[in-house]
Amino acid sequence: MAKKTQIEELLELIEDLGMMVVDQNGTPFIQTQDSEQQKVFSIQSISFLDFLRHQYLESYGKLAFSPNLKEVIDHLGSMARNSGNTITTAIRNAYVNKHAYVDSANDKAQIMKIGKDGWSLSTEPSVSFIKSSSMAALPTPINDGDFVDLIEPYLNLADDNSRYLVVTFLVSYFLDLPSKCILLVNGEQGSGKTSFTKLIRELLDPSIVKTQPTPSSKDDLMVAAVNSALLCIDNVTKISPAMMDVLCQLSTGAGFRKRMLYTNLDEVIVQLSRSMVINGISADMISATDLLSRSIQVILPAIIGNDRLIETEFWDNFYNDRPKILGGLYTLVGQVIAVIDDVKLDNATRMTDFCKVGVAVERVLSWPENSFMDALKAMQAEAMEIALESDVTATGIQKVMANRANWEGTAEGLLSQMNDYCGFDLTSQTTWPKSARSLGIKLSKIMPALRDQGIVIEKTKSGPRKITITNIAVTRPEKPESSLSKFDAT
C-alpha cells in the first residue's frame, strides 16, 4: 500500500473534524460539532491555520509543512464554494425570526436567545457565530431588577430626553434595523465621555480594544467593522468629509471589496452595517447632514467634586452589576419585540425603524406619551442647526435669503449672489463652492437640513436648469392701500 502524502493526511484529518460550508459573503468555513453546539471557523484565518498545525502534530507527531497547508486550505476553499452548504454567519449578535441572539463568547460558549417570551440559553441558534481575536466575553446574565434603575447610576445623562434616546439606542442594537443608529456623545472635558463610551462597549460588545481613534482610512474602518459588532470611536475633533461618507455607508449597509492578492483579480466581498458610538468635545465634530440624520446626540454634563468616583471603584461596581444589567436589558428587548409590530407612526422620518423602537420602548416603560418623539425632534433640530452653522454653503444660502421670501435663477446666478452677500472669511474657505457644478452637489447634501430651517430649495428636472428657493419664515408685508383706491371703478 502506497504511503499517504502529507496533503492526504491533512485532508483526512479535516474530514474527521467537520464539513465545509460557505457563508452569505462567499467566505469558506469549516463547521464542527462539539458536545454543546456547532462552531464555525474561517479556513482563511490565522486561528484555523494554527488549529490545523496543532491537530496534525497531535495526530501524527510531526510538523506540517507550510506549502502543504496552503495547498490544503486552497482545496478546502474550492470545496466549500462549489459544493458546501450555505450558512448565515454573524459576529456577536443577530436577529432571526423575531428573536435576537447574543454570542456571549465566554468559556461556556453561551448563546442567549431573546424573544417576546423572555430570554434563555440557546444551543441551536439559527445563525452561526464567528469570533474575532479582539472579542471579549460577556457574563451570564441574571434576571434581577429593572434595567433603567440598574443602569441609571452609570450613565451621566443631563435629562430625561437624553435618557429616552440612549435607552432606545441600546435596545435598537439588538434588532435588525435597515439603518443602524449612530450615537454621538459630546461634553466638556471631565464629563466622562470616554468612560460612557467604554461602558456601552462593555455592555453590548466587549472587546480587548475598548475604543479606537478616528480611522485614517476606509480600510482601517472596515477592518474594525468586520471584527466588531459595535464601533466605538474616541476623542474625535473633526471627521473628514470622505470619512463621514464611509460612516454613513456603514450605517446603512456598506459593501467592502478588496483584492485577495496583488497577483490576481479575485476579490473579498463583505456586506455589513454597524451601530456606532462616537465621542468628542466639539458639538460639530460631524457636519454632514445626511450622517446627522442617522444619528442621535447627547451632551454629558461635567462631573464636579464629590460626584466623581475613583475610576477603579466605578468599574468594579459596574462589573459587579453587569450580569443584572444585562438581564434587565435582555428582558426589555424581549418586551419591545412583543409590541413593536403594533407600533404605527403618524409621520415617517429618515429613522423610521429607530423611531418605532423608541415608541415601543416608551410604551413598555410607561414613559409620558410622545416623550421619545419629542426628544428626538428636539435633538435633531439642534444638531441640524449646529451643522448648518458650520457649513459655509448653507451659511451663504441663509445670508442670501435672510430678508427675502423667494429667489429664482441659475446655479451660476446663485453662486454670484452668495459671493456678493458673504465676506472674504467665508468665500476664501476651502469648502466654499468654486463653481456652479460644485454648488449643485453641495446643495443636494444640505437641502433636507435647510428645509427643516424653513428654506426650501427646488431644482428643475427638465428644461432650463433653474433653482427656486422659498423662505417660508419670511412673509412679504401686505401692499399698503393706495390713496387712489377709493376712486377705483366699482
Protein backbone atom coordinates (compact mmCIF):
# COMPACT_ATOMS: atom_id res chain seq x y z
CA MET A 1 0.00 0.00 0.00
CA ALA A 2 1.40 3.37 -1.03
CA LYS A 3 2.34 5.69 1.78
CA LYS A 4 -0.03 8.66 2.18
CA THR A 5 1.28 12.06 1.37
CA GLN A 6 1.10 14.79 3.98
CA ILE A 7 -1.62 16.54 1.97
CA GLU A 8 -3.73 13.37 2.06
CA GLU A 9 -3.18 13.07 5.81
CA LEU A 10 -4.25 16.67 6.33
CA LEU A 11 -7.41 16.21 4.23
CA GLU A 12 -8.37 13.06 6.17
CA LEU A 13 -7.81 14.90 9.42
CA ILE A 14 -10.09 17.75 8.34
CA GLU A 15 -12.76 15.32 7.15
CA ASP A 16 -12.93 13.94 10.68
CA LEU A 17 -13.19 17.45 12.17
CA GLY A 18 -16.26 18.71 10.29
CA MET A 19 -17.74 19.70 6.94
CA MET A 20 -17.05 22.56 4.58
CA VAL A 21 -19.66 25.33 4.25
CA VAL A 22 -19.82 28.85 2.80
CA ASP A 23 -21.48 31.93 4.28
CA GLN A 24 -23.59 34.74 2.77
CA ASN A 25 -20.45 36.61 1.69
CA GLY A 26 -18.93 33.58 -0.05
CA THR A 27 -16.38 33.04 2.73
CA PRO A 28 -15.47 29.35 3.25
CA PHE A 29 -15.80 27.87 6.74
CA ILE A 30 -15.45 24.51 8.42
CA GLN A 31 -18.41 23.62 10.62
CA THR A 32 -17.69 21.45 13.65
CA GLN A 33 -19.86 19.98 16.37
CA ASP A 34 -18.78 19.58 19.97
CA SER A 35 -20.70 18.31 22.98
CA GLU A 36 -22.65 21.57 23.34
CA GLN A 37 -23.15 23.27 19.96
CA GLN A 38 -21.99 23.82 16.41
CA LYS A 39 -18.99 26.05 15.78
CA VAL A 40 -17.58 27.54 12.60
CA PHE A 41 -14.04 28.57 11.74
CA SER A 42 -12.96 30.55 8.71
CA ILE A 43 -10.45 28.37 6.90
CA GLN A 44 -8.68 31.50 5.69
CA SER A 45 -7.96 32.73 9.22
CA ILE A 46 -4.71 32.52 11.14
CA SER A 47 -6.56 30.81 14.02
CA PHE A 48 -7.65 27.94 11.75
CA LEU A 49 -4.13 27.58 10.40
CA ASP A 50 -2.79 27.37 13.96
CA PHE A 51 -5.55 24.91 14.87
CA LEU A 52 -4.72 22.71 11.88
CA ARG A 53 -0.99 22.75 12.66
CA HIS A 54 -1.70 21.72 16.25
CA GLN A 55 -4.17 18.96 15.32
CA TYR A 56 -1.75 17.50 12.79
CA LEU A 57 1.12 17.49 15.27
CA GLU A 58 -1.10 15.83 17.90
CA SER A 59 -2.35 13.16 15.45
CA TYR A 60 0.84 12.35 13.53
CA GLY A 61 3.62 13.52 15.80
CA LYS A 62 5.29 15.62 13.13
CA LEU A 63 5.14 19.10 11.68
CA ALA A 64 3.02 20.11 8.71
CA PHE A 65 4.93 21.98 6.02
CA SER A 66 3.61 25.42 5.07
CA PRO A 67 3.32 24.70 1.29
CA ASN A 68 1.21 21.64 2.07
CA LEU A 69 -1.01 23.61 4.44
CA LYS A 70 -1.56 26.29 1.79
CA GLU A 71 -2.43 23.67 -0.81
CA VAL A 72 -4.95 22.04 1.54
CA ILE A 73 -6.59 25.35 2.52
CA ASP A 74 -6.93 26.37 -1.14
CA HIS A 75 -8.54 23.00 -1.89
CA LEU A 76 -10.95 23.32 1.05
CA GLY A 77 -12.00 26.78 -0.12
CA SER A 78 -12.82 25.37 -3.54
CA MET A 79 -14.84 22.53 -1.96
CA ALA A 80 -16.83 24.96 0.19
CA ARG A 81 -17.64 27.36 -2.65
CA ASN A 82 -18.62 24.64 -5.13
CA SER A 83 -20.38 22.00 -3.04
CA GLY A 84 -20.72 23.25 0.53
CA ASN A 85 -24.00 24.20 2.19
CA THR A 86 -24.70 27.93 2.64
CA ILE A 87 -24.96 29.20 6.19
CA THR A 88 -25.60 32.62 7.76
CA THR A 89 -22.78 33.96 9.90
CA ALA A 90 -22.69 36.90 12.29
CA ILE A 91 -20.39 38.39 14.87
CA ARG A 92 -21.66 38.87 18.44
CA ASN A 93 -25.38 39.37 17.70
CA ALA A 94 -28.04 38.53 15.13
CA TYR A 95 -31.80 38.88 14.64
CA VAL A 96 -33.67 35.97 13.05
CA ASN A 97 -37.41 35.17 13.00
CA LYS A 98 -38.22 37.82 15.63
CA HIS A 99 -35.57 36.52 18.00
CA ALA A 100 -32.37 38.31 18.97
CA TYR A 101 -29.30 36.14 19.55
CA VAL A 102 -26.22 37.19 21.51
CA ASP A 103 -22.93 35.33 21.49
CA SER A 104 -21.50 35.64 24.99
CA ALA A 105 -18.11 34.44 23.67
CA ASN A 106 -17.32 33.08 27.14
CA ASP A 107 -15.67 29.82 28.15
CA LYS A 108 -19.13 28.19 28.34
CA ALA A 109 -19.84 29.10 24.69
CA GLN A 110 -23.23 30.52 25.72
CA ILE A 111 -25.64 31.88 23.12
CA MET A 112 -28.52 33.91 24.54
CA LYS A 113 -31.88 33.86 22.73
CA ILE A 114 -34.25 36.80 23.29
CA GLY A 115 -37.87 36.81 22.20
CA LYS A 116 -41.30 38.04 23.19
CA ASP A 117 -41.46 35.40 25.92
CA GLY A 118 -38.19 36.45 27.51
CA TRP A 119 -34.60 35.26 27.22
CA SER A 120 -32.85 31.94 27.74
CA LEU A 121 -29.82 29.91 26.69
CA SER A 122 -29.92 28.54 23.16
CA THR A 123 -27.96 25.54 21.88
CA GLU A 124 -29.32 25.66 18.33
CA PRO A 125 -29.28 29.25 17.07
CA SER A 126 -30.44 29.95 13.53
CA VAL A 127 -27.15 31.67 12.79
CA SER A 128 -23.52 30.59 13.10
CA PHE A 129 -21.43 32.95 15.19
CA ILE A 130 -17.84 33.67 14.30
CA LYS A 131 -15.26 35.07 16.69
CA SER A 132 -12.56 37.65 16.15
CA SER A 133 -9.28 37.76 18.00
CA SER A 134 -10.30 41.02 19.70
CA MET A 135 -13.61 39.78 21.16
CA ALA A 136 -14.00 39.61 24.94
CA ALA A 137 -16.54 37.63 26.94
CA LEU A 138 -19.92 38.68 28.30
CA PRO A 139 -21.00 37.28 31.68
CA THR A 140 -24.04 35.06 32.15
CA PRO A 141 -27.00 37.44 32.65
CA ILE A 142 -29.11 37.42 35.83
CA ASN A 143 -32.81 38.27 35.95
CA ASP A 144 -32.82 40.57 38.97
CA GLY A 145 -34.14 44.11 38.64
CA ASP A 146 -35.34 46.82 36.28
CA PHE A 147 -32.90 47.76 33.53
CA VAL A 148 -33.33 51.54 33.73
CA ASP A 149 -32.91 51.55 37.52
CA LEU A 150 -29.81 49.34 37.25
CA ILE A 151 -28.06 51.31 34.50
CA GLU A 152 -29.00 54.79 35.78
CA PRO A 153 -26.09 55.19 38.26
CA TYR A 154 -23.56 54.56 35.49
CA LEU A 155 -24.94 56.94 32.85
CA ASN A 156 -24.01 60.59 33.34
CA LEU A 157 -27.02 61.97 31.47
CA ALA A 158 -28.27 65.53 31.71
CA ASP A 159 -32.03 65.00 31.43
CA ASP A 160 -34.92 62.68 30.57
CA ASN A 161 -34.62 63.42 26.85
CA SER A 162 -31.08 62.05 26.79
CA ARG A 163 -32.25 59.01 28.75
CA TYR A 164 -35.02 58.28 26.24
CA LEU A 165 -32.55 58.40 23.36
CA VAL A 166 -29.78 56.33 24.98
CA VAL A 167 -32.07 53.56 26.22
CA THR A 168 -33.63 53.32 22.75
CA PHE A 169 -30.16 53.12 21.19
CA LEU A 170 -29.24 50.23 23.49
CA VAL A 171 -32.40 48.31 22.60
CA SER A 172 -32.14 49.03 18.86
CA TYR A 173 -28.65 47.49 18.76
CA PHE A 174 -30.18 44.02 19.11
CA LEU A 175 -32.77 44.44 16.35
CA ASP A 176 -32.31 44.08 12.61
CA LEU A 177 -32.84 47.69 11.53
CA PRO A 178 -32.19 48.62 7.87
CA SER A 179 -30.09 51.56 9.07
CA LYS A 180 -28.04 51.28 12.25
CA CYS A 181 -28.11 54.29 14.54
CA ILE A 182 -25.03 56.33 15.43
CA LEU A 183 -24.76 57.66 19.00
CA LEU A 184 -22.83 60.93 19.21
CA VAL A 185 -21.57 61.79 22.70
CA ASN A 186 -20.48 65.36 23.42
CA GLY A 187 -19.43 67.15 26.57
CA GLU A 188 -16.71 69.32 28.01
CA GLN A 189 -13.52 67.93 29.45
CA GLY A 190 -14.33 65.99 32.60
CA SER A 191 -17.83 64.89 31.59
CA GLY A 192 -16.86 61.21 31.30
CA LYS A 193 -17.27 60.80 27.53
CA THR A 194 -14.65 58.06 27.23
CA SER A 195 -15.96 56.14 30.24
CA PHE A 196 -19.51 56.44 28.86
CA THR A 197 -18.36 55.01 25.53
CA LYS A 198 -16.41 52.18 27.19
CA LEU A 199 -19.43 51.31 29.33
CA ILE A 200 -21.64 50.85 26.28
CA ARG A 201 -18.89 48.76 24.71
CA GLU A 202 -18.65 46.54 27.80
CA LEU A 203 -22.43 46.11 27.89
CA LEU A 204 -23.06 45.30 24.23
CA ASP A 205 -19.87 44.09 22.57
CA PRO A 206 -16.88 43.86 24.92
CA SER A 207 -13.51 43.87 23.24
CA ILE A 208 -9.84 43.86 24.07
CA VAL A 209 -9.78 47.16 22.19
CA LYS A 210 -12.16 49.32 24.24
CA THR A 211 -12.18 52.33 21.92
CA GLN A 212 -10.24 53.42 18.86
CA PRO A 213 -9.10 56.76 17.45
CA THR A 214 -10.68 58.18 14.33
CA PRO A 215 -9.81 55.76 11.50
CA SER A 216 -7.42 57.24 8.97
CA SER A 217 -8.74 55.24 6.01
CA LYS A 218 -11.72 53.24 4.79
CA ASP A 219 -9.67 50.04 5.08
CA ASP A 220 -8.93 50.70 8.78
CA LEU A 221 -12.61 51.36 9.46
CA MET A 222 -13.78 48.25 7.61
CA VAL A 223 -11.26 46.00 9.36
CA ALA A 224 -12.60 47.25 12.69
CA ALA A 225 -16.20 46.73 11.49
CA VAL A 226 -15.54 43.18 10.30
CA ASN A 227 -14.14 42.27 13.72
CA SER A 228 -16.70 44.05 15.95
CA ALA A 229 -20.48 44.36 16.11
CA LEU A 230 -20.16 47.84 17.64
CA LEU A 231 -17.73 50.56 16.63
CA CYS A 232 -16.54 52.91 19.38
CA ILE A 233 -14.52 55.92 18.22
CA ASP A 234 -12.98 58.04 20.95
CA ASN A 235 -11.93 61.68 21.32
CA VAL A 236 -12.90 62.93 17.88
CA THR A 237 -12.09 66.51 16.95
CA LYS A 238 -13.34 66.63 13.38
CA ILE A 239 -14.18 63.89 10.90
CA SER A 240 -13.21 64.46 7.29
CA PRO A 241 -15.94 64.61 4.62
CA ALA A 242 -14.57 61.43 2.99
CA MET A 243 -14.68 59.51 6.28
CA MET A 244 -18.19 60.83 7.05
CA ASP A 245 -19.33 59.36 3.74
CA VAL A 246 -17.90 55.96 4.74
CA LEU A 247 -19.54 56.14 8.18
CA CYS A 248 -22.86 56.92 6.50
CA GLN A 249 -22.46 53.90 4.22
CA LEU A 250 -21.60 51.72 7.19
CA SER A 251 -24.75 52.87 8.98
CA THR A 252 -26.98 51.89 6.06
CA GLY A 253 -25.06 48.82 4.90
CA ALA A 254 -21.68 49.01 3.18
CA GLY A 255 -20.23 46.63 0.64
CA PHE A 256 -16.50 46.19 1.21
CA ARG A 257 -14.48 44.99 -1.79
CA LYS A 258 -10.78 44.24 -1.67
CA ARG A 259 -8.34 42.32 -3.80
CA MET A 260 -7.36 38.98 -2.26
CA LEU A 261 -3.88 39.13 -3.76
CA TYR A 262 -1.99 41.63 -5.86
CA THR A 263 -1.27 38.82 -8.34
CA ASN A 264 -4.89 38.20 -9.36
CA LEU A 265 -8.25 39.89 -9.80
CA ASP A 266 -10.21 37.92 -7.18
CA GLU A 267 -11.98 39.97 -4.52
CA VAL A 268 -13.08 39.55 -0.94
CA ILE A 269 -16.62 41.00 -0.72
CA VAL A 270 -18.27 41.69 2.64
CA GLN A 271 -21.68 43.33 3.16
CA LEU A 272 -22.24 44.73 6.64
CA SER A 273 -23.74 47.52 8.73
CA ARG A 274 -22.78 48.56 12.24
CA SER A 275 -24.05 50.56 15.19
CA MET A 276 -21.55 53.19 16.33
CA VAL A 277 -20.67 55.34 19.33
CA ILE A 278 -18.55 58.42 18.58
CA ASN A 279 -17.46 60.87 21.27
CA GLY A 280 -15.73 64.25 21.24
CA ILE A 281 -15.76 67.72 22.74
CA SER A 282 -16.96 69.59 19.63
CA ALA A 283 -20.69 69.55 19.00
CA ASP A 284 -19.94 69.96 15.28
CA MET A 285 -17.47 67.05 15.00
CA ILE A 286 -19.88 65.71 12.36
CA SER A 287 -21.17 68.27 9.92
CA ALA A 288 -22.62 66.12 7.12
CA THR A 289 -26.38 66.48 7.40
CA ASP A 290 -27.08 63.05 5.86
CA LEU A 291 -24.96 61.43 8.57
CA LEU A 292 -26.56 63.54 11.30
CA SER A 293 -29.99 62.44 10.12
CA ARG A 294 -28.99 58.89 11.06
CA SER A 295 -27.59 59.91 14.44
CA ILE A 296 -28.73 60.74 17.93
CA GLN A 297 -26.72 63.16 20.01
CA VAL A 298 -26.40 63.57 23.78
CA ILE A 299 -24.40 66.14 25.72
CA LEU A 300 -22.99 64.93 29.03
CA PRO A 301 -22.80 67.38 31.95
CA ALA A 302 -19.49 67.96 33.70
CA ILE A 303 -18.82 65.75 36.74
CA ILE A 304 -17.88 68.01 39.62
CA GLY A 305 -16.28 67.41 43.00
CA ASN A 306 -17.69 64.60 45.11
CA ASP A 307 -19.80 63.29 42.22
CA ARG A 308 -16.66 61.89 40.57
CA LEU A 309 -15.84 58.32 41.63
CA ILE A 310 -12.37 56.81 41.64
CA GLU A 311 -12.16 55.05 38.26
CA THR A 312 -11.28 51.65 39.68
CA GLU A 313 -14.25 51.87 42.06
CA PHE A 314 -16.59 52.84 39.21
CA TRP A 315 -15.56 49.87 37.06
CA ASP A 316 -15.56 47.42 39.98
CA ASN A 317 -19.15 48.43 40.74
CA PHE A 318 -20.17 48.18 37.09
CA TYR A 319 -18.65 44.75 36.50
CA ASN A 320 -20.29 43.52 39.69
CA ASP A 321 -23.69 44.76 38.47
CA ARG A 322 -23.21 43.88 34.79
CA PRO A 323 -24.91 40.44 34.93
CA LYS A 324 -28.05 42.04 36.41
CA ILE A 325 -27.89 44.97 33.97
CA LEU A 326 -27.66 42.54 31.06
CA GLY A 327 -30.57 40.51 32.39
CA GLY A 328 -32.69 43.66 32.64
CA LEU A 329 -31.65 44.80 29.15
CA TYR A 330 -32.47 41.42 27.58
CA THR A 331 -35.85 41.46 29.31
CA LEU A 332 -36.57 44.94 27.92
CA VAL A 333 -35.51 43.85 24.41
CA GLY A 334 -37.92 40.90 24.60
CA GLN A 335 -40.76 43.18 25.72
CA VAL A 336 -40.06 45.53 22.80
CA ILE A 337 -40.06 42.61 20.34
CA ALA A 338 -43.50 41.67 21.68
CA VAL A 339 -45.09 45.05 20.91
CA ILE A 340 -43.09 46.64 18.09
CA ASP A 341 -45.27 45.24 15.29
CA ASP A 342 -48.21 47.15 16.78
CA VAL A 343 -46.43 50.50 16.61
CA LYS A 344 -47.73 52.82 13.90
CA LEU A 345 -46.07 56.18 13.26
CA ASP A 346 -48.06 59.21 12.13
CA ASN A 347 -45.11 60.89 10.44
CA ALA A 348 -42.36 58.92 8.75
CA THR A 349 -38.78 60.10 9.25
CA ARG A 350 -35.42 59.02 7.87
CA MET A 351 -35.03 56.96 11.06
CA THR A 352 -38.48 55.39 10.89
CA ASP A 353 -37.39 51.98 12.18
CA PHE A 354 -35.41 53.50 15.04
CA CYS A 355 -38.45 55.64 15.88
CA LYS A 356 -40.61 52.53 16.04
CA VAL A 357 -38.18 51.06 18.56
CA GLY A 358 -38.30 54.27 20.61
CA VAL A 359 -42.10 54.36 20.69
CA ALA A 360 -42.17 50.66 21.63
CA VAL A 361 -39.72 51.30 24.49
CA GLU A 362 -41.87 54.26 25.56
CA ARG A 363 -44.93 52.00 25.82
CA VAL A 364 -43.12 49.20 27.64
CA LEU A 365 -41.55 51.54 30.21
CA SER A 366 -44.66 53.75 30.51
CA TRP A 367 -42.83 56.95 29.60
CA PRO A 368 -45.06 60.01 29.03
CA GLU A 369 -46.89 59.84 25.71
CA ASN A 370 -44.84 61.21 22.78
CA SER A 371 -41.82 61.68 25.03
CA PHE A 372 -39.47 59.78 22.75
CA MET A 373 -40.51 61.51 19.51
CA ASP A 374 -40.41 64.93 21.19
CA ALA A 375 -36.89 64.20 22.48
CA LEU A 376 -35.74 63.01 19.06
CA LYS A 377 -37.17 66.01 17.20
CA ALA A 378 -35.66 68.49 19.67
CA MET A 379 -32.27 66.81 19.44
CA GLN A 380 -32.27 66.64 15.65
CA ALA A 381 -33.35 70.28 15.27
CA GLU A 382 -30.48 71.42 17.50
CA ALA A 383 -27.94 69.14 15.77
CA MET A 384 -29.00 70.30 12.31
CA GLU A 385 -28.79 73.96 13.36
CA ILE A 386 -25.23 73.43 14.59
CA ALA A 387 -24.33 71.57 11.39
CA LEU A 388 -25.69 74.35 9.19
CA GLU A 389 -23.77 76.97 11.17
CA SER A 390 -20.53 75.13 10.33
CA ASP A 391 -21.40 74.62 6.65
CA VAL A 392 -20.24 77.59 4.58
CA THR A 393 -22.58 76.82 1.67
CA ALA A 394 -25.59 76.71 4.00
CA THR A 395 -24.45 79.95 5.61
CA GLY A 396 -24.22 81.56 2.18
CA ILE A 397 -27.78 80.46 1.28
CA GLN A 398 -29.09 81.75 4.61
CA LYS A 399 -27.45 85.15 4.05
CA VAL A 400 -28.95 85.43 0.57
CA MET A 401 -32.42 84.50 1.89
CA ALA A 402 -32.27 86.43 5.17
CA ASN A 403 -34.77 89.10 4.19
CA ARG A 404 -36.49 87.70 1.15
CA ALA A 405 -39.25 85.18 0.63
CA ASN A 406 -38.26 83.89 -2.81
CA TRP A 407 -35.30 83.58 -5.13
CA GLU A 408 -35.16 82.07 -8.61
CA GLY A 409 -32.34 81.69 -11.07
CA THR A 410 -29.46 79.51 -12.22
CA ALA A 411 -26.72 77.94 -10.14
CA GLU A 412 -24.31 80.49 -11.60
CA GLY A 413 -26.57 83.32 -10.51
CA LEU A 414 -27.00 81.89 -7.01
CA LEU A 415 -23.25 81.49 -6.57
CA SER A 416 -22.75 85.08 -7.70
CA GLN A 417 -25.32 86.27 -5.14
CA MET A 418 -23.64 84.23 -2.41
CA ASN A 419 -20.26 85.76 -3.27
CA ASP A 420 -21.83 89.24 -3.08
CA TYR A 421 -23.53 88.64 0.28
CA CYS A 422 -20.67 86.83 2.02
CA GLY A 423 -17.36 88.24 3.12
CA PHE A 424 -13.85 87.04 2.42
CA ASP A 425 -13.80 84.99 5.65
CA LEU A 426 -16.41 82.66 4.10
CA THR A 427 -15.62 82.76 0.38
CA SER A 428 -11.93 82.07 0.99
CA GLN A 429 -12.56 78.80 2.84
CA THR A 430 -11.54 75.61 1.05
CA THR A 431 -15.09 74.20 1.30
CA TRP A 432 -16.68 77.23 -0.37
CA PRO A 433 -18.17 76.22 -3.77
CA LYS A 434 -15.93 77.47 -6.58
CA SER A 435 -18.23 76.61 -9.49
CA ALA A 436 -21.91 76.15 -10.33
CA ARG A 437 -21.41 72.39 -10.52
CA SER A 438 -19.74 72.32 -7.10
CA LEU A 439 -22.62 74.38 -5.68
CA GLY A 440 -25.18 71.95 -7.15
CA ILE A 441 -23.50 68.99 -5.47
CA LYS A 442 -23.30 70.78 -2.11
CA LEU A 443 -26.95 71.87 -2.33
CA SER A 444 -28.08 68.25 -2.70
CA LYS A 445 -26.46 67.43 0.63
CA ILE A 446 -27.81 70.36 2.65
CA MET A 447 -31.30 70.72 1.16
CA PRO A 448 -33.02 68.48 3.79
CA ALA A 449 -31.42 70.36 6.69
CA LEU A 450 -32.24 73.76 5.20
CA ARG A 451 -35.82 72.62 4.64
CA ASP A 452 -36.10 71.91 8.37
CA GLN A 453 -34.97 75.51 8.95
CA GLY A 454 -37.69 76.85 6.65
CA ILE A 455 -35.62 77.33 3.48
CA VAL A 456 -36.96 75.13 0.69
CA ILE A 457 -34.76 74.58 -2.38
CA GLU A 458 -36.13 73.05 -5.56
CA LYS A 459 -34.29 72.21 -8.78
CA THR A 460 -36.00 71.82 -12.16
CA LYS A 461 -35.63 68.30 -13.53
CA SER A 462 -36.28 69.17 -17.16
CA GLY A 463 -35.84 72.14 -19.46
CA PRO A 464 -33.59 75.03 -18.43
CA ARG A 465 -31.83 74.23 -15.19
CA LYS A 466 -33.17 76.61 -12.59
CA ILE A 467 -33.14 76.77 -8.82
CA THR A 468 -36.08 78.08 -6.82
CA ILE A 469 -35.63 78.97 -3.14
CA THR A 470 -38.50 79.75 -0.81
CA ASN A 471 -38.02 81.10 2.70
CA ILE A 472 -41.25 80.17 4.44
CA ALA A 473 -40.11 82.01 7.56
CA VAL A 474 -40.31 85.34 5.71
CA THR A 475 -43.64 86.75 4.61
CA ARG A 476 -43.87 89.75 2.36
CA PRO A 477 -45.63 92.71 4.03
CA GLU A 478 -49.07 93.40 2.67
CA LYS A 479 -49.13 96.06 0.00
CA PRO A 480 -50.40 99.30 1.59
CA GLU A 481 -53.69 100.53 0.35
CA SER A 482 -53.30 103.18 -2.34
CA SER A 483 -54.73 106.63 -1.60
CA LEU A 484 -56.31 106.41 -5.03
CA SER A 485 -58.12 103.15 -4.38
CA LYS A 486 -61.28 104.96 -3.28
CA PHE A 487 -61.57 106.29 -6.80
CA ASP A 488 -61.43 102.79 -8.38
CA ALA A 489 -64.42 101.99 -10.52
CA THR A 490 -66.96 99.68 -8.97
